[in-house]
Amino acid sequence: MRKIVAALMLAGLAMAVAPAAQAQQPIVIKFSHVTTPDTPKGKGAEKFKELAEKYTDGKVKVEVYPNSQLYKDKEEMEALQLGAVQMLAPSLAKFGPLGVRAFEVFDLPYIFPNREALRQVTEGEPGKVLLAKLEPKGIKGLAYWDNGFKIMSANSPIHVPKDFRGLKMRIQSSKVLEAQFHALGALPQVMAFSEVYQAMQTGVVDGSENTPSNMYTQKHYEVQKYGLVTRHGYLGYAVIVNKAFWDGLPADIRAKLEKAMAEATDYSNSIAQQENDDALAAMKASGRIALSDPTPEATAEFRKVLEPVYAEMSGRIGQDTIDMVLKATRGVGQ
């Protein structure tokens, strides 16, 4: 909180600059995120910086702060709402604690059978409906960025649902993910992304779920013995800005930033699948972690065990939201 207050004080000083001097200064967008620069999100942020500065002829300066340099997971949303930072790309689960629980539909296990089905939501009307729910919170949603489909890891063999019983599994803050691991008989542990490596190394947690690219760039595979390529859940982000800041931009600048964001989104989403495929291959080649695919029978068992999570979470997420997503994805790419 003190970091946020200090940032706001600096912002206040900047606003006190004489109008003539201020007019000569570029508009600064602080873009904070929690992953490393070599992840799909990190590369997308750098691409947006490049394009935003190019299209505005330097009238906008984008400062990218990766890997929780500015704020921890729990601080960044408050910083955005207060205006201490202008842009974030939080995981979609982060909106649940903010009170916009409909976004937790993205956490439901096996809700997206493939990437084509996912696109029907993120690039279609359901995605727009969900982003609009952020505006009463002072947040403007600009785009959805992929990371990919998640896999499981642990320090004991994991092949079927019963193997998760009693394991302490790290999750990001999400009641849906809590319910998912409770259904598997595991013990979910909410923990900031930046703290996971040490927690795995010291045995504070036994395992986690994440995308291959995150596991690889954060070196989780060095402190986990086993991985199961379940692709049971999706991890994505919403690029968001402080709404008052965005609405206050000159219309021509905002249009150029929208163009930059659209192109950065296409770029980030186009590389996400390859980044995850490459990360899986690199982890397998390292010899540090034993990765396996579930059998068709095991996948069917995981689906059966996790199916009750939908009914359990319907009151929280909203059955209408769940139905909207299921209708948009039904039969796509199959």
C-alpha atoms as a PDB file:
ATOM      1  CA  MET A   1       0.000   0.000   0.000  1.00  0.00           C
ATOM      2  CA  ARG A   2       2.866   2.418   0.802  1.00  0.00           C
ATOM      3  CA  LYS A   3       4.275   1.842  -2.696  1.00  0.00           C
ATOM      4  CA  ILE A   4       0.915   2.825  -4.181  1.00  0.00           C
ATOM      5  CA  VAL A   5       0.663   5.993  -2.062  1.00  0.00           C
ATOM      6  CA  ALA A   6       4.209   7.000  -3.048  1.00  0.00           C
ATOM      7  CA  ALA A   7       3.394   6.461  -6.721  1.00  0.00           C
ATOM      8  CA  LEU A   8       0.286   8.617  -6.399  1.00  0.00           C
ATOM      9  CA  MET A   9       2.302  11.413  -4.764  1.00  0.00           C
ATOM     10  CA  LEU A  10       4.735  11.365  -7.691  1.00  0.00           C
ATOM     11  CA  ALA A  11       1.827  11.437 -10.108  1.00  0.00           C
ATOM     12  CA  GLY A  12       0.451  14.470  -8.277  1.00  0.00           C
ATOM     13  CA  LEU A  13       3.775  16.270  -8.608  1.00  0.00           C
ATOM     14  CA  ALA A  14       3.828  15.523 -12.321  1.00  0.00           C
ATOM     15  CA  MET A  15       0.348  16.988 -12.729  1.00  0.00           C
ATOM     16  CA  ALA A  16       1.533  20.192 -11.032  1.00  0.00           C
ATOM     17  CA  VAL A  17       3.988  20.901 -13.878  1.00  0.00           C
ATOM     18  CA  ALA A  18       3.146  24.064 -15.849  1.00  0.00           C
ATOM     19  CA  PRO A  19       0.782  23.292 -18.771  1.00  0.00           C
ATOM     20  CA  ALA A  20       3.276  24.477 -21.386  1.00  0.00           C
ATOM     21  CA  ALA A  21       5.992  22.172 -20.051  1.00  0.00           C
ATOM     22  CA  GLN A  22       3.529  19.349 -19.559  1.00  0.00           C
ATOM     23  CA  ALA A  23       2.405  19.588 -23.187  1.00  0.00           C
ATOM     24  CA  GLN A  24       5.917  18.780 -24.332  1.00  0.00           C
ATOM     25  CA  GLN A  25       6.134  15.658 -22.234  1.00  0.00           C
ATOM     26  CA  PRO A  26       5.000  12.278 -23.608  1.00  0.00           C
ATOM     27  CA  ILE A  27       2.006  10.544 -22.085  1.00  0.00           C
ATOM     28  CA  VAL A  28       3.403   7.797 -19.873  1.00  0.00           C
ATOM     29  CA  ILE A  29       1.689   4.415 -19.598  1.00  0.00           C
ATOM     30  CA  LYS A  30       3.076   2.197 -16.872  1.00  0.00           C
ATOM     31  CA  PHE A  31       2.350  -1.395 -17.906  1.00  0.00           C
ATOM     32  CA  SER A  32       2.899  -3.772 -14.987  1.00  0.00           C
ATOM     33  CA  HIS A  33       2.691  -7.565 -15.078  1.00  0.00           C
ATOM     34  CA  VAL A  34       3.872 -10.528 -13.009  1.00  0.00           C
ATOM     35  CA  THR A  35       5.556 -12.810 -15.557  1.00  0.00           C
ATOM     36  CA  THR A  36       9.019 -12.724 -17.113  1.00  0.00           C
ATOM     37  CA  PRO A  37       9.727 -10.883 -20.388  1.00  0.00           C
ATOM     38  CA  ASP A  38      10.207 -14.170 -22.271  1.00  0.00           C
ATOM     39  CA  THR A  39       6.637 -15.433 -21.706  1.00  0.00           C
ATOM     40  CA  PRO A  40       3.820 -14.829 -24.228  1.00  0.00           C
ATOM     41  CA  LYS A  41       2.483 -12.037 -22.014  1.00  0.00           C
ATOM     42  CA  GLY A  42       5.919 -10.515 -21.568  1.00  0.00           C
ATOM     43  CA  LYS A  43       6.528 -10.519 -25.319  1.00  0.00           C
ATOM     44  CA  GLY A  44       3.048  -9.114 -25.939  1.00  0.00           C
ATOM     45  CA  ALA A  45       3.708  -6.231 -23.556  1.00  0.00           C
ATOM     46  CA  GLU A  46       6.954  -5.383 -25.327  1.00  0.00           C
ATOM     47  CA  LYS A  47       5.205  -5.554 -28.709  1.00  0.00           C
ATOM     48  CA  PHE A  48       2.528  -3.142 -27.487  1.00  0.00           C
ATOM     49  CA  LYS A  49       5.229  -0.761 -26.243  1.00  0.00           C
ATOM     50  CA  GLU A  50       6.962  -0.871 -29.625  1.00  0.00           C
ATOM     51  CA  LEU A  51       3.784  -0.283 -31.622  1.00  0.00           C
ATOM     52  CA  ALA A  52       2.257   2.318 -29.282  1.00  0.00           C
ATOM     53  CA  GLU A  53       5.363   4.475 -29.380  1.00  0.00           C
ATOM     54  CA  LYS A  54       5.656   4.029 -33.148  1.00  0.00           C
ATOM     55  CA  TYR A  55       2.043   4.851 -34.019  1.00  0.00           C
ATOM     56  CA  THR A  56       1.902   7.895 -31.718  1.00  0.00           C
ATOM     57  CA  ASP A  57       5.255   9.240 -32.996  1.00  0.00           C
ATOM     58  CA  GLY A  58       6.624   9.183 -29.476  1.00  0.00           C
ATOM     59  CA  LYS A  59       3.706  11.095 -27.943  1.00  0.00           C
ATOM     60  CA  VAL A  60       3.131   8.037 -25.740  1.00  0.00           C
ATOM     61  CA  LYS A  61       5.866   6.340 -23.748  1.00  0.00           C
ATOM     62  CA  VAL A  62       5.125   2.839 -22.469  1.00  0.00           C
ATOM     63  CA  GLU A  63       7.140   1.684 -19.466  1.00  0.00           C
ATOM     64  CA  VAL A  64       6.902  -2.099 -19.054  1.00  0.00           C
ATOM     65  CA  TYR A  65       7.531  -3.524 -15.582  1.00  0.00           C
ATOM     66  CA  PRO A  66       7.639  -7.353 -15.736  1.00  0.00           C
ATOM     67  CA  ASN A  67       8.049  -9.996 -13.040  1.00  0.00           C
ATOM     68  CA  SER A  68       6.265  -8.098 -10.232  1.00  0.00           C
ATOM     69  CA  GLN A  69       8.849  -5.290 -10.273  1.00  0.00           C
ATOM     70  CA  LEU A  70       6.269  -2.731  -9.187  1.00  0.00           C
ATOM     71  CA  TYR A  71       3.571  -4.658  -7.364  1.00  0.00           C
ATOM     72  CA  LYS A  72       2.824  -8.101  -6.010  1.00  0.00           C
ATOM     73  CA  ASP A  73      -0.240  -9.972  -7.278  1.00  0.00           C
ATOM     74  CA  LYS A  74      -2.542  -8.635  -4.559  1.00  0.00           C
ATOM     75  CA  GLU A  75      -1.425  -5.018  -4.924  1.00  0.00           C
ATOM     76  CA  GLU A  76      -1.560  -4.440  -8.664  1.00  0.00           C
ATOM     77  CA  MET A  77      -5.338  -4.210  -9.105  1.00  0.00           C
ATOM     78  CA  GLU A  78      -5.655  -1.609  -6.357  1.00  0.00           C
ATOM     79  CA  ALA A  79      -2.771   0.322  -7.919  1.00  0.00           C
ATOM     80  CA  LEU A  80      -4.614   0.385 -11.243  1.00  0.00           C
ATOM     81  CA  GLN A  81      -7.886   1.531  -9.711  1.00  0.00           C
ATOM     82  CA  LEU A  82      -6.088   4.327  -7.836  1.00  0.00           C
ATOM     83  CA  GLY A  83      -4.205   5.384 -10.960  1.00  0.00           C
ATOM     84  CA  ALA A  84      -0.698   4.619  -9.697  1.00  0.00           C
ATOM     85  CA  VAL A  85      -0.259   2.366 -12.734  1.00  0.00           C
ATOM     86  CA  GLN A  86      -2.191   2.678 -15.976  1.00  0.00           C
ATOM     87  CA  MET A  87      -2.160  -0.793 -17.549  1.00  0.00           C
ATOM     88  CA  LEU A  88      -2.126  -4.397 -16.345  1.00  0.00           C
ATOM     89  CA  ALA A  89      -2.580  -7.846 -17.845  1.00  0.00           C
ATOM     90  CA  PRO A  90      -3.830  -9.906 -14.891  1.00  0.00           C
ATOM     91  CA  SER A  91      -4.995 -13.479 -15.155  1.00  0.00           C
ATOM     92  CA  LEU A  92      -8.756 -13.710 -15.545  1.00  0.00           C
ATOM     93  CA  ALA A  93      -9.119 -15.276 -12.100  1.00  0.00           C
ATOM     94  CA  LYS A  94      -8.034 -11.940 -10.543  1.00  0.00           C
ATOM     95  CA  PHE A  95     -11.437 -10.398 -11.189  1.00  0.00           C
ATOM     96  CA  GLY A  96     -13.223 -12.767  -8.796  1.00  0.00           C
ATOM     97  CA  PRO A  97     -11.752 -11.153  -5.656  1.00  0.00           C
ATOM     98  CA  LEU A  98     -12.626  -7.786  -7.197  1.00  0.00           C
ATOM     99  CA  GLY A  99     -16.286  -8.823  -7.154  1.00  0.00           C
ATOM    100  CA  VAL A 100     -16.648  -9.552 -10.888  1.00  0.00           C
ATOM    101  CA  ARG A 101     -17.096 -13.275 -10.432  1.00  0.00           C
ATOM    102  CA  ALA A 102     -18.377 -14.020 -13.927  1.00  0.00           C
ATOM    103  CA  PHE A 103     -14.763 -14.130 -15.118  1.00  0.00           C
ATOM    104  CA  GLU A 104     -14.220 -17.239 -13.025  1.00  0.00           C
ATOM    105  CA  VAL A 105     -16.031 -19.133 -15.766  1.00  0.00           C
ATOM    106  CA  PHE A 106     -12.607 -19.301 -17.432  1.00  0.00           C
ATOM    107  CA  ASP A 107     -11.355 -21.389 -14.480  1.00  0.00           C
ATOM    108  CA  LEU A 108     -13.914 -24.168 -14.871  1.00  0.00           C
ATOM    109  CA  PRO A 109     -12.164 -27.453 -15.699  1.00  0.00           C
ATOM    110  CA  TYR A 110     -12.439 -28.683 -19.287  1.00  0.00           C
ATOM    111  CA  ILE A 111     -14.797 -25.864 -20.318  1.00  0.00           C
ATOM    112  CA  PHE A 112     -12.774 -25.144 -23.475  1.00  0.00           C
ATOM    113  CA  PRO A 113     -12.236 -28.291 -25.549  1.00  0.00           C
ATOM    114  CA  ASN A 114      -9.767 -26.562 -27.871  1.00  0.00           C
ATOM    115  CA  ARG A 115      -8.380 -23.194 -28.934  1.00  0.00           C
ATOM    116  CA  GLU A 116     -11.039 -22.698 -31.621  1.00  0.00           C
ATOM    117  CA  ALA A 117     -13.772 -22.966 -28.983  1.00  0.00           C
ATOM    118  CA  LEU A 118     -11.908 -20.519 -26.753  1.00  0.00           C
ATOM    119  CA  ARG A 119     -11.821 -17.961 -29.572  1.00  0.00           C
ATOM    120  CA  GLN A 120     -15.610 -18.029 -29.810  1.00  0.00           C
ATOM    121  CA  VAL A 121     -15.615 -16.510 -26.341  1.00  0.00           C
ATOM    122  CA  THR A 122     -12.589 -14.198 -26.268  1.00  0.00           C
ATOM    123  CA  GLU A 123     -13.154 -12.793 -29.748  1.00  0.00           C
ATOM    124  CA  GLY A 124     -16.960 -13.022 -29.725  1.00  0.00           C
ATOM    125  CA  GLU A 125     -19.891 -11.473 -27.943  1.00  0.00           C
ATOM    126  CA  PRO A 126     -19.357 -13.371 -24.636  1.00  0.00           C
ATOM    127  CA  GLY A 127     -15.930 -11.760 -24.256  1.00  0.00           C
ATOM    128  CA  LYS A 128     -17.389  -8.281 -24.783  1.00  0.00           C
ATOM    129  CA  VAL A 129     -20.161  -8.939 -22.277  1.00  0.00           C
ATOM    130  CA  LEU A 130     -17.617  -9.967 -19.651  1.00  0.00           C
ATOM    131  CA  LEU A 131     -15.264  -7.009 -20.215  1.00  0.00           C
ATOM    132  CA  ALA A 132     -18.190  -4.590 -19.862  1.00  0.00           C
ATOM    133  CA  LYS A 133     -18.702  -5.854 -16.297  1.00  0.00           C
ATOM    134  CA  LEU A 134     -15.364  -4.257 -15.311  1.00  0.00           C
ATOM    135  CA  GLU A 135     -16.358  -0.680 -16.076  1.00  0.00           C
ATOM    136  CA  PRO A 136     -18.257  -0.014 -12.811  1.00  0.00           C
ATOM    137  CA  LYS A 137     -14.966  -0.859 -11.066  1.00  0.00           C
ATOM    138  CA  GLY A 138     -13.174   1.939 -12.914  1.00  0.00           C
ATOM    139  CA  ILE A 139     -11.511  -0.512 -15.304  1.00  0.00           C
ATOM    140  CA  LYS A 140     -11.600  -0.623 -19.105  1.00  0.00           C
ATOM    141  CA  GLY A 141     -10.958  -3.997 -20.725  1.00  0.00           C
ATOM    142  CA  LEU A 142      -9.026  -3.808 -23.996  1.00  0.00           C
ATOM    143  CA  ALA A 143      -8.173  -7.361 -25.040  1.00  0.00           C
ATOM    144  CA  TYR A 144      -7.752 -11.002 -24.090  1.00  0.00           C
ATOM    145  CA  TRP A 145      -4.270 -12.492 -24.264  1.00  0.00           C
ATOM    146  CA  ASP A 146      -3.612 -16.219 -24.228  1.00  0.00           C
ATOM    147  CA  ASN A 147      -1.103 -18.082 -22.216  1.00  0.00           C
ATOM    148  CA  GLY A 148      -2.449 -21.542 -22.865  1.00  0.00           C
ATOM    149  CA  PHE A 149      -3.869 -24.720 -21.428  1.00  0.00           C
ATOM    150  CA  LYS A 150      -2.590 -25.857 -18.058  1.00  0.00           C
ATOM    151  CA  ILE A 151      -0.848 -29.003 -16.931  1.00  0.00           C
ATOM    152  CA  MET A 152      -0.299 -30.452 -13.458  1.00  0.00           C
ATOM    153  CA  SER A 153       2.986 -30.922 -11.618  1.00  0.00           C
ATOM    154  CA  ALA A 154       3.944 -32.506  -8.309  1.00  0.00           C
ATOM    155  CA  ASN A 155       6.787 -34.129  -6.426  1.00  0.00           C
ATOM    156  CA  SER A 156       5.049 -37.504  -6.406  1.00  0.00           C
ATOM    157  CA  PRO A 157       3.733 -39.527  -9.369  1.00  0.00           C
ATOM    158  CA  ILE A 158       0.442 -38.182 -10.772  1.00  0.00           C
ATOM    159  CA  HIS A 159      -1.507 -40.180 -13.339  1.00  0.00           C
ATOM    160  CA  VAL A 160      -5.134 -40.405 -12.149  1.00  0.00           C
ATOM    161  CA  PRO A 161      -7.367 -38.305  -9.851  1.00  0.00           C
ATOM    162  CA  LYS A 162      -6.645 -40.329  -6.714  1.00  0.00           C
ATOM    163  CA  ASP A 163      -2.948 -39.436  -6.980  1.00  0.00           C
ATOM    164  CA  PHE A 164      -3.786 -35.873  -5.915  1.00  0.00           C
ATOM    165  CA  ARG A 165      -5.294 -36.823  -2.568  1.00  0.00           C
ATOM    166  CA  GLY A 166      -3.610 -34.943   0.245  1.00  0.00           C
ATOM    167  CA  LEU A 167      -1.243 -32.962  -1.995  1.00  0.00           C
ATOM    168  CA  LYS A 168      -0.750 -29.272  -1.240  1.00  0.00           C
ATOM    169  CA  MET A 169      -1.353 -27.657  -4.623  1.00  0.00           C
ATOM    170  CA  ARG A 170      -0.565 -24.001  -5.273  1.00  0.00           C
ATOM    171  CA  ILE A 171      -3.331 -21.981  -6.936  1.00  0.00           C
ATOM    172  CA  GLN A 172      -3.927 -18.350  -7.705  1.00  0.00           C
ATOM    173  CA  SER A 173      -6.815 -16.833  -5.792  1.00  0.00           C
ATOM    174  CA  SER A 174      -9.955 -18.420  -7.267  1.00  0.00           C
ATOM    175  CA  LYS A 175     -12.859 -20.152  -5.563  1.00  0.00           C
ATOM    176  CA  VAL A 176     -13.328 -22.255  -8.702  1.00  0.00           C
ATOM    177  CA  LEU A 177      -9.758 -23.534  -8.513  1.00  0.00           C
ATOM    178  CA  GLU A 178     -10.223 -24.214  -4.804  1.00  0.00           C
ATOM    179  CA  ALA A 179     -13.301 -26.301  -5.621  1.00  0.00           C
ATOM    180  CA  GLN A 180     -11.422 -28.071  -8.410  1.00  0.00           C
ATOM    181  CA  PHE A 181      -8.648 -29.287  -6.126  1.00  0.00           C
ATOM    182  CA  HIS A 182     -11.027 -30.107  -3.290  1.00  0.00           C
ATOM    183  CA  ALA A 183     -12.871 -32.337  -5.764  1.00  0.00           C
ATOM    184  CA  LEU A 184      -9.566 -34.127  -6.387  1.00  0.00           C
ATOM    185  CA  GLY A 185      -8.974 -34.502  -2.655  1.00  0.00           C
ATOM    186  CA  ALA A 186      -6.036 -32.086  -2.718  1.00  0.00           C
ATOM    187  CA  LEU A 187      -5.318 -29.114  -0.451  1.00  0.00           C
ATOM    188  CA  PRO A 188      -5.333 -25.859  -2.461  1.00  0.00           C
ATOM    189  CA  GLN A 189      -2.856 -23.202  -1.333  1.00  0.00           C
ATOM    190  CA  VAL A 190      -3.348 -19.626  -2.551  1.00  0.00           C
ATOM    191  CA  MET A 191       0.049 -18.104  -3.272  1.00  0.00           C
ATOM    192  CA  ALA A 192       1.546 -15.256  -5.320  1.00  0.00           C
ATOM    193  CA  PHE A 193       3.119 -16.415  -8.572  1.00  0.00           C
ATOM    194  CA  SER A 194       6.495 -14.937  -7.638  1.00  0.00           C
ATOM    195  CA  GLU A 195       6.667 -17.100  -4.485  1.00  0.00           C
ATOM    196  CA  VAL A 196       5.940 -20.480  -6.064  1.00  0.00           C
ATOM    197  CA  TYR A 197       9.479 -21.599  -6.955  1.00  0.00           C
ATOM    198  CA  GLN A 198      10.751 -21.225  -3.402  1.00  0.00           C
ATOM    199  CA  ALA A 199       7.613 -22.850  -1.993  1.00  0.00           C
ATOM    200  CA  MET A 200       8.164 -25.870  -4.245  1.00  0.00           C
ATOM    201  CA  GLN A 201      11.862 -25.987  -3.408  1.00  0.00           C
ATOM    202  CA  THR A 202      11.229 -25.959   0.339  1.00  0.00           C
ATOM    203  CA  GLY A 203       8.198 -28.273   0.328  1.00  0.00           C
ATOM    204  CA  VAL A 204       5.691 -25.618   1.383  1.00  0.00           C
ATOM    205  CA  VAL A 205       3.636 -26.860  -1.565  1.00  0.00           C
ATOM    206  CA  ASP A 206       3.773 -30.247  -3.295  1.00  0.00           C
ATOM    207  CA  GLY A 207       2.780 -29.082  -6.739  1.00  0.00           C
ATOM    208  CA  SER A 208       0.718 -26.742  -8.873  1.00  0.00           C
ATOM    209  CA  GLU A 209      -1.135 -26.264 -12.132  1.00  0.00           C
ATOM    210  CA  ASN A 210       0.210 -23.904 -14.755  1.00  0.00           C
ATOM    211  CA  THR A 211       0.990 -23.580 -18.417  1.00  0.00           C
ATOM    212  CA  PRO A 212       4.201 -25.118 -19.757  1.00  0.00           C
ATOM    213  CA  SER A 213       5.598 -21.687 -20.674  1.00  0.00           C
ATOM    214  CA  ASN A 214       5.144 -20.414 -17.111  1.00  0.00           C
ATOM    215  CA  MET A 215       6.579 -23.586 -15.623  1.00  0.00           C
ATOM    216  CA  TYR A 216       9.599 -23.338 -17.885  1.00  0.00           C
ATOM    217  CA  THR A 217      10.392 -19.632 -17.579  1.00  0.00           C
ATOM    218  CA  GLN A 218       9.906 -19.728 -13.789  1.00  0.00           C
ATOM    219  CA  LYS A 219      12.034 -22.909 -13.610  1.00  0.00           C
ATOM    220  CA  HIS A 220       9.342 -24.849 -11.725  1.00  0.00           C
ATOM    221  CA  TYR A 221      10.456 -27.983 -13.567  1.00  0.00           C
ATOM    222  CA  GLU A 222      13.733 -27.816 -11.631  1.00  0.00           C
ATOM    223  CA  VAL A 223      11.906 -28.347  -8.326  1.00  0.00           C
ATOM    224  CA  GLN A 224       9.117 -30.690  -9.486  1.00  0.00           C
ATOM    225  CA  LYS A 225       9.669 -34.348 -10.292  1.00  0.00           C
ATOM    226  CA  TYR A 226       6.496 -35.185 -12.225  1.00  0.00           C
ATOM    227  CA  GLY A 227       4.159 -33.502 -14.670  1.00  0.00           C
ATOM    228  CA  LEU A 228       0.874 -34.583 -16.264  1.00  0.00           C
ATOM    229  CA  VAL A 229      -0.163 -32.898 -19.521  1.00  0.00           C
ATOM    230  CA  THR A 230      -3.871 -32.755 -18.701  1.00  0.00           C
ATOM    231  CA  ARG A 231      -4.765 -29.509 -20.513  1.00  0.00           C
ATOM    232  CA  HIS A 232      -7.666 -29.412 -18.083  1.00  0.00           C
ATOM    233  CA  GLY A 233      -7.872 -25.657 -17.677  1.00  0.00           C
ATOM    234  CA  TYR A 234      -7.140 -22.421 -19.460  1.00  0.00           C
ATOM    235  CA  LEU A 235      -4.894 -19.578 -18.342  1.00  0.00           C
ATOM    236  CA  GLY A 236      -5.448 -16.270 -20.043  1.00  0.00           C
ATOM    237  CA  TYR A 237      -5.232 -12.585 -19.289  1.00  0.00           C
ATOM    238  CA  ALA A 238      -7.252  -9.457 -19.833  1.00  0.00           C
ATOM    239  CA  VAL A 239      -5.299  -6.355 -20.777  1.00  0.00           C
ATOM    240  CA  ILE A 240      -6.928  -3.598 -18.766  1.00  0.00           C
ATOM    241  CA  VAL A 241      -6.437   0.118 -18.176  1.00  0.00           C
ATOM    242  CA  ASN A 242      -7.574   2.678 -15.657  1.00  0.00           C
ATOM    243  CA  LYS A 243     -10.861   3.820 -17.205  1.00  0.00           C
ATOM    244  CA  ALA A 244     -10.555   7.493 -16.210  1.00  0.00           C
ATOM    245  CA  PHE A 245      -7.055   7.624 -17.696  1.00  0.00           C
ATOM    246  CA  TRP A 246      -8.176   5.941 -20.931  1.00  0.00           C
ATOM    247  CA  ASP A 247     -11.285   8.074 -21.361  1.00  0.00           C
ATOM    248  CA  GLY A 248      -9.187  11.206 -20.734  1.00  0.00           C
ATOM    249  CA  LEU A 249      -6.786  10.538 -23.609  1.00  0.00           C
ATOM    250  CA  PRO A 250      -7.116  12.618 -26.791  1.00  0.00           C
ATOM    251  CA  ALA A 251      -9.314  10.718 -29.249  1.00  0.00           C
ATOM    252  CA  ASP A 252      -6.590  10.463 -31.904  1.00  0.00           C
ATOM    253  CA  ILE A 253      -4.083   9.057 -29.386  1.00  0.00           C
ATOM    254  CA  ARG A 254      -6.606   6.564 -28.078  1.00  0.00           C
ATOM    255  CA  ALA A 255      -7.358   5.347 -31.611  1.00  0.00           C
ATOM    256  CA  LYS A 256      -3.667   4.766 -32.293  1.00  0.00           C
ATOM    257  CA  LEU A 257      -3.276   2.895 -29.010  1.00  0.00           C
ATOM    258  CA  GLU A 258      -6.277   0.734 -29.897  1.00  0.00           C
ATOM    259  CA  LYS A 259      -4.578  -0.123 -33.181  1.00  0.00           C
ATOM    260  CA  ALA A 260      -1.355  -0.978 -31.342  1.00  0.00           C
ATOM    261  CA  MET A 261      -3.261  -3.152 -28.862  1.00  0.00           C
ATOM    262  CA  ALA A 262      -5.104  -5.031 -31.624  1.00  0.00           C
ATOM    263  CA  GLU A 263      -1.833  -5.855 -33.368  1.00  0.00           C
ATOM    264  CA  ALA A 264      -0.051  -6.747 -30.124  1.00  0.00           C
ATOM    265  CA  THR A 265      -2.956  -9.043 -29.261  1.00  0.00           C
ATOM    266  CA  ASP A 266      -2.711 -10.848 -32.599  1.00  0.00           C
ATOM    267  CA  TYR A 267       1.027 -11.222 -32.071  1.00  0.00           C
ATOM    268  CA  SER A 268       0.810 -12.428 -28.467  1.00  0.00           C
ATOM    269  CA  ASN A 269      -1.933 -14.942 -29.184  1.00  0.00           C
ATOM    270  CA  SER A 270      -0.196 -16.225 -32.311  1.00  0.00           C
ATOM    271  CA  ILE A 271       2.966 -17.151 -30.403  1.00  0.00           C
ATOM    272  CA  ALA A 272       1.341 -18.589 -27.266  1.00  0.00           C
ATOM    273  CA  GLN A 273       0.806 -22.130 -28.598  1.00  0.00           C
ATOM    274  CA  GLN A 274       4.334 -22.369 -29.980  1.00  0.00           C
ATOM    275  CA  GLU A 275       5.802 -21.004 -26.750  1.00  0.00           C
ATOM    276  CA  ASN A 276       4.027 -23.710 -24.772  1.00  0.00           C
ATOM    277  CA  ASP A 277       5.012 -26.454 -27.210  1.00  0.00           C
ATOM    278  CA  ASP A 278       8.641 -25.314 -27.050  1.00  0.00           C
ATOM    279  CA  ALA A 279       8.542 -25.145 -23.250  1.00  0.00           C
ATOM    280  CA  LEU A 280       7.191 -28.689 -23.003  1.00  0.00           C
ATOM    281  CA  ALA A 281       9.925 -29.954 -25.306  1.00  0.00           C
ATOM    282  CA  ALA A 282      12.611 -28.100 -23.339  1.00  0.00           C
ATOM    283  CA  MET A 283      11.397 -29.462 -20.005  1.00  0.00           C
ATOM    284  CA  LYS A 284      11.345 -33.004 -21.377  1.00  0.00           C
ATOM    285  CA  ALA A 285      14.854 -32.584 -22.784  1.00  0.00           C
ATOM    286  CA  SER A 286      16.152 -31.264 -19.447  1.00  0.00           C
ATOM    287  CA  GLY A 287      15.667 -34.607 -17.723  1.00  0.00           C
ATOM    288  CA  ARG A 288      14.664 -32.748 -14.557  1.00  0.00           C
ATOM    289  CA  ILE A 289      10.959 -33.636 -14.679  1.00  0.00           C
ATOM    290  CA  ALA A 290       9.108 -36.738 -15.898  1.00  0.00           C
ATOM    291  CA  LEU A 291       6.260 -35.544 -18.123  1.00  0.00           C
ATOM    292  CA  SER A 292       3.491 -37.858 -19.300  1.00  0.00           C
ATOM    293  CA  ASP A 293       0.126 -37.660 -21.043  1.00  0.00           C
ATOM    294  CA  PRO A 294      -2.973 -39.023 -19.319  1.00  0.00           C
ATOM    295  CA  THR A 295      -4.579 -42.067 -20.889  1.00  0.00           C
ATOM    296  CA  PRO A 296      -8.049 -41.611 -22.442  1.00  0.00           C
ATOM    297  CA  GLU A 297      -9.436 -43.521 -19.452  1.00  0.00           C
ATOM    298  CA  ALA A 298      -7.696 -41.191 -17.003  1.00  0.00           C
ATOM    299  CA  THR A 299      -8.980 -38.119 -18.839  1.00  0.00           C
ATOM    300  CA  ALA A 300     -12.524 -39.466 -18.663  1.00  0.00           C
ATOM    301  CA  GLU A 301     -12.052 -40.054 -14.942  1.00  0.00           C
ATOM    302  CA  PHE A 302     -10.738 -36.512 -14.391  1.00  0.00           C
ATOM    303  CA  ARG A 303     -13.756 -35.102 -16.227  1.00  0.00           C
ATOM    304  CA  LYS A 304     -16.153 -37.175 -14.131  1.00  0.00           C
ATOM    305  CA  VAL A 305     -14.523 -36.232 -10.834  1.00  0.00           C
ATOM    306  CA  LEU A 306     -14.437 -32.533 -11.718  1.00  0.00           C
ATOM    307  CA  GLU A 307     -17.915 -32.248 -13.262  1.00  0.00           C
ATOM    308  CA  PRO A 308     -19.618 -31.366  -9.930  1.00  0.00           C
ATOM    309  CA  VAL A 309     -17.556 -28.156  -9.784  1.00  0.00           C
ATOM    310  CA  TYR A 310     -19.900 -26.643 -12.394  1.00  0.00           C
ATOM    311  CA  ALA A 311     -22.987 -27.049 -10.207  1.00  0.00           C
ATOM    312  CA  GLU A 312     -21.084 -26.014  -7.083  1.00  0.00           C
ATOM    313  CA  MET A 313     -19.899 -22.776  -8.691  1.00  0.00           C
ATOM    314  CA  SER A 314     -23.028 -21.884 -10.665  1.00  0.00           C
ATOM    315  CA  GLY A 315     -24.359 -19.625  -7.934  1.00  0.00           C
ATOM    316  CA  ARG A 316     -21.055 -17.790  -7.702  1.00  0.00           C
ATOM    317  CA  ILE A 317     -20.261 -17.387 -11.404  1.00  0.00           C
ATOM    318  CA  GLY A 318     -23.851 -17.200 -12.604  1.00  0.00           C
ATOM    319  CA  GLN A 319     -25.544 -20.013 -14.466  1.00  0.00           C
ATOM    320  CA  ASP A 320     -26.343 -17.567 -17.246  1.00  0.00           C
ATOM    321  CA  THR A 321     -22.625 -16.929 -17.771  1.00  0.00           C
ATOM    322  CA  ILE A 322     -21.805 -20.634 -17.772  1.00  0.00           C
ATOM    323  CA  ASP A 323     -24.605 -21.285 -20.273  1.00  0.00           C
ATOM    324  CA  MET A 324     -23.421 -18.388 -22.463  1.00  0.00           C
ATOM    325  CA  VAL A 325     -19.923 -19.855 -22.686  1.00  0.00           C
ATOM    326  CA  LEU A 326     -21.114 -23.421 -23.232  1.00  0.00           C
ATOM    327  CA  LYS A 327     -23.459 -22.290 -26.005  1.00  0.00           C
ATOM    328  CA  ALA A 328     -20.658 -20.380 -27.741  1.00  0.00           C
ATOM    329  CA  THR A 329     -18.237 -23.291 -27.604  1.00  0.00           C
ATOM    330  CA  ARG A 330     -20.554 -26.256 -28.235  1.00  0.00           C
ATOM    331  CA  GLY A 331     -19.245 -28.439 -31.049  1.00  0.00           C
ATOM    332  CA  VAL A 332     -16.574 -25.935 -32.175  1.00  0.00           C
ATOM    333  CA  GLY A 333     -13.406 -27.529 -33.531  1.00  0.00           C
ATOM    334  CA  GLN A 334     -14.592 -31.048 -32.779  1.00  0.00           C
END
